[in-house]
Amino acid sequence: MRLPLDMNSSIGEVMAHPFAGPIVQQALAGLSEPQDAAGASMMEGDGMEKMMASFPIGRIVGFPGIPVTREQIEQLIAGANAQG
């Protein structure tokens, strides 16, 4: 039995979910190709991946360079929790 996801679930927890994980991975794949040199240096290395994995999914709303709304995250969580 899985614990239900919520806005405080880490991105790592959401990515480990069989329903939500592939959706988040696809969305984050576009972020691995930054638009400028500053973004490139920020996205390099395992440190960024580890930091992002521990970040609560609900806190990415309004994060620079991440075009996602609170409603989109809530829909993702609801869909994942409905899958069990």
C-alpha atoms as a PDB file:
ATOM      1  CA  MET A   1       0.000   0.000   0.000  1.00  0.00           C
ATOM      2  CA  ARG A   2       1.312   3.422  -0.962  1.00  0.00           C
ATOM      3  CA  LEU A   3       0.961   6.544   1.123  1.00  0.00           C
ATOM      4  CA  PRO A   4      -1.157   9.119  -0.689  1.00  0.00           C
ATOM      5  CA  LEU A   5       0.709  11.971  -2.332  1.00  0.00           C
ATOM      6  CA  ASP A   6       0.044  15.558  -1.317  1.00  0.00           C
ATOM      7  CA  MET A   7       1.480  19.009  -1.929  1.00  0.00           C
ATOM      8  CA  ASN A   8       4.188  18.312   0.687  1.00  0.00           C
ATOM      9  CA  SER A   9       5.351  15.081  -0.962  1.00  0.00           C
ATOM     10  CA  SER A  10       8.887  15.395  -2.259  1.00  0.00           C
ATOM     11  CA  ILE A  11       9.552  15.441  -5.971  1.00  0.00           C
ATOM     12  CA  GLY A  12      11.486  12.195  -5.389  1.00  0.00           C
ATOM     13  CA  GLU A  13       8.400  10.562  -3.846  1.00  0.00           C
ATOM     14  CA  VAL A  14       6.234  11.775  -6.710  1.00  0.00           C
ATOM     15  CA  MET A  15       8.772  10.534  -9.279  1.00  0.00           C
ATOM     16  CA  ALA A  16       8.793   7.101  -7.622  1.00  0.00           C
ATOM     17  CA  HIS A  17       5.018   6.799  -8.075  1.00  0.00           C
ATOM     18  CA  PRO A  18       4.076   4.595 -11.063  1.00  0.00           C
ATOM     19  CA  PHE A  19       1.400   7.005 -12.326  1.00  0.00           C
ATOM     20  CA  ALA A  20       2.844  10.417 -11.456  1.00  0.00           C
ATOM     21  CA  GLY A  21       6.523   9.568 -11.936  1.00  0.00           C
ATOM     22  CA  PRO A  22       6.581   9.331 -15.733  1.00  0.00           C
ATOM     23  CA  ILE A  23       4.585  12.560 -16.033  1.00  0.00           C
ATOM     24  CA  VAL A  24       6.993  14.457 -13.771  1.00  0.00           C
ATOM     25  CA  GLN A  25      10.044  12.947 -15.483  1.00  0.00           C
ATOM     26  CA  GLN A  26       8.764  14.070 -18.864  1.00  0.00           C
ATOM     27  CA  ALA A  27       8.047  17.575 -17.557  1.00  0.00           C
ATOM     28  CA  LEU A  28      11.475  17.864 -15.926  1.00  0.00           C
ATOM     29  CA  ALA A  29      13.257  16.533 -19.023  1.00  0.00           C
ATOM     30  CA  GLY A  30      12.720  19.888 -20.709  1.00  0.00           C
ATOM     31  CA  LEU A  31      14.398  21.610 -17.788  1.00  0.00           C
ATOM     32  CA  SER A  32      17.611  19.698 -18.359  1.00  0.00           C
ATOM     33  CA  GLU A  33      18.118  21.794 -21.497  1.00  0.00           C
ATOM     34  CA  PRO A  34      18.435  25.314 -20.078  1.00  0.00           C
ATOM     35  CA  GLN A  35      17.920  28.329 -22.280  1.00  0.00           C
ATOM     36  CA  ASP A  36      21.042  30.233 -21.213  1.00  0.00           C
ATOM     37  CA  ALA A  37      24.490  29.830 -19.634  1.00  0.00           C
ATOM     38  CA  ALA A  38      23.237  30.715 -16.132  1.00  0.00           C
ATOM     39  CA  GLY A  39      20.588  28.017 -16.354  1.00  0.00           C
ATOM     40  CA  ALA A  40      23.138  25.555 -17.705  1.00  0.00           C
ATOM     41  CA  SER A  41      25.436  25.979 -14.724  1.00  0.00           C
ATOM     42  CA  MET A  42      22.504  25.655 -12.296  1.00  0.00           C
ATOM     43  CA  MET A  43      21.287  22.377 -13.817  1.00  0.00           C
ATOM     44  CA  GLU A  44      24.669  20.618 -13.928  1.00  0.00           C
ATOM     45  CA  GLY A  45      25.626  17.763 -11.634  1.00  0.00           C
ATOM     46  CA  ASP A  46      23.984  15.342  -9.270  1.00  0.00           C
ATOM     47  CA  GLY A  47      23.685  17.982  -6.559  1.00  0.00           C
ATOM     48  CA  MET A  48      20.809  19.688  -8.362  1.00  0.00           C
ATOM     49  CA  GLU A  49      19.016  16.375  -8.884  1.00  0.00           C
ATOM     50  CA  LYS A  50      19.365  15.480  -5.205  1.00  0.00           C
ATOM     51  CA  MET A  51      18.168  18.909  -4.123  1.00  0.00           C
ATOM     52  CA  MET A  52      15.171  18.780  -6.443  1.00  0.00           C
ATOM     53  CA  ALA A  53      14.295  15.235  -5.298  1.00  0.00           C
ATOM     54  CA  SER A  54      13.933  16.476  -1.713  1.00  0.00           C
ATOM     55  CA  PHE A  55      11.941  19.579  -2.676  1.00  0.00           C
ATOM     56  CA  PRO A  56       8.176  19.464  -1.906  1.00  0.00           C
ATOM     57  CA  ILE A  57       6.213  19.195  -5.155  1.00  0.00           C
ATOM     58  CA  GLY A  58       3.838  21.976  -4.094  1.00  0.00           C
ATOM     59  CA  ARG A  59       6.692  24.442  -3.704  1.00  0.00           C
ATOM     60  CA  ILE A  60       7.654  24.409  -7.387  1.00  0.00           C
ATOM     61  CA  VAL A  61       4.708  26.644  -8.281  1.00  0.00           C
ATOM     62  CA  GLY A  62       6.194  29.952  -9.344  1.00  0.00           C
ATOM     63  CA  PHE A  63       9.743  28.564  -9.329  1.00  0.00           C
ATOM     64  CA  PRO A  64      11.726  30.344 -12.068  1.00  0.00           C
ATOM     65  CA  GLY A  65      11.839  28.332 -15.263  1.00  0.00           C
ATOM     66  CA  ILE A  66       9.140  25.848 -14.186  1.00  0.00           C
ATOM     67  CA  PRO A  67       5.879  26.695 -15.954  1.00  0.00           C
ATOM     68  CA  VAL A  68       3.470  24.743 -13.750  1.00  0.00           C
ATOM     69  CA  THR A  69       0.373  25.859 -11.894  1.00  0.00           C
ATOM     70  CA  ARG A  70      -0.939  24.779  -8.512  1.00  0.00           C
ATOM     71  CA  GLU A  71      -3.988  23.337 -10.289  1.00  0.00           C
ATOM     72  CA  GLN A  72      -1.785  21.161 -12.523  1.00  0.00           C
ATOM     73  CA  ILE A  73       0.036  19.745  -9.501  1.00  0.00           C
ATOM     74  CA  GLU A  74      -3.253  19.145  -7.673  1.00  0.00           C
ATOM     75  CA  GLN A  75      -4.603  17.293 -10.731  1.00  0.00           C
ATOM     76  CA  LEU A  76      -1.433  15.180 -10.922  1.00  0.00           C
ATOM     77  CA  ILE A  77      -1.691  14.289  -7.227  1.00  0.00           C
ATOM     78  CA  ALA A  78      -5.398  13.487  -7.498  1.00  0.00           C
ATOM     79  CA  GLY A  79      -4.773  11.251 -10.513  1.00  0.00           C
ATOM     80  CA  ALA A  80      -1.911   9.459  -8.769  1.00  0.00           C
ATOM     81  CA  ASN A  81      -3.935   8.913  -5.598  1.00  0.00           C
ATOM     82  CA  ALA A  82      -6.900   7.621  -7.631  1.00  0.00           C
ATOM     83  CA  GLN A  83      -4.576   5.007  -9.184  1.00  0.00           C
ATOM     84  CA  GLY A  84      -3.726   3.695  -5.732  1.00  0.00           C
END
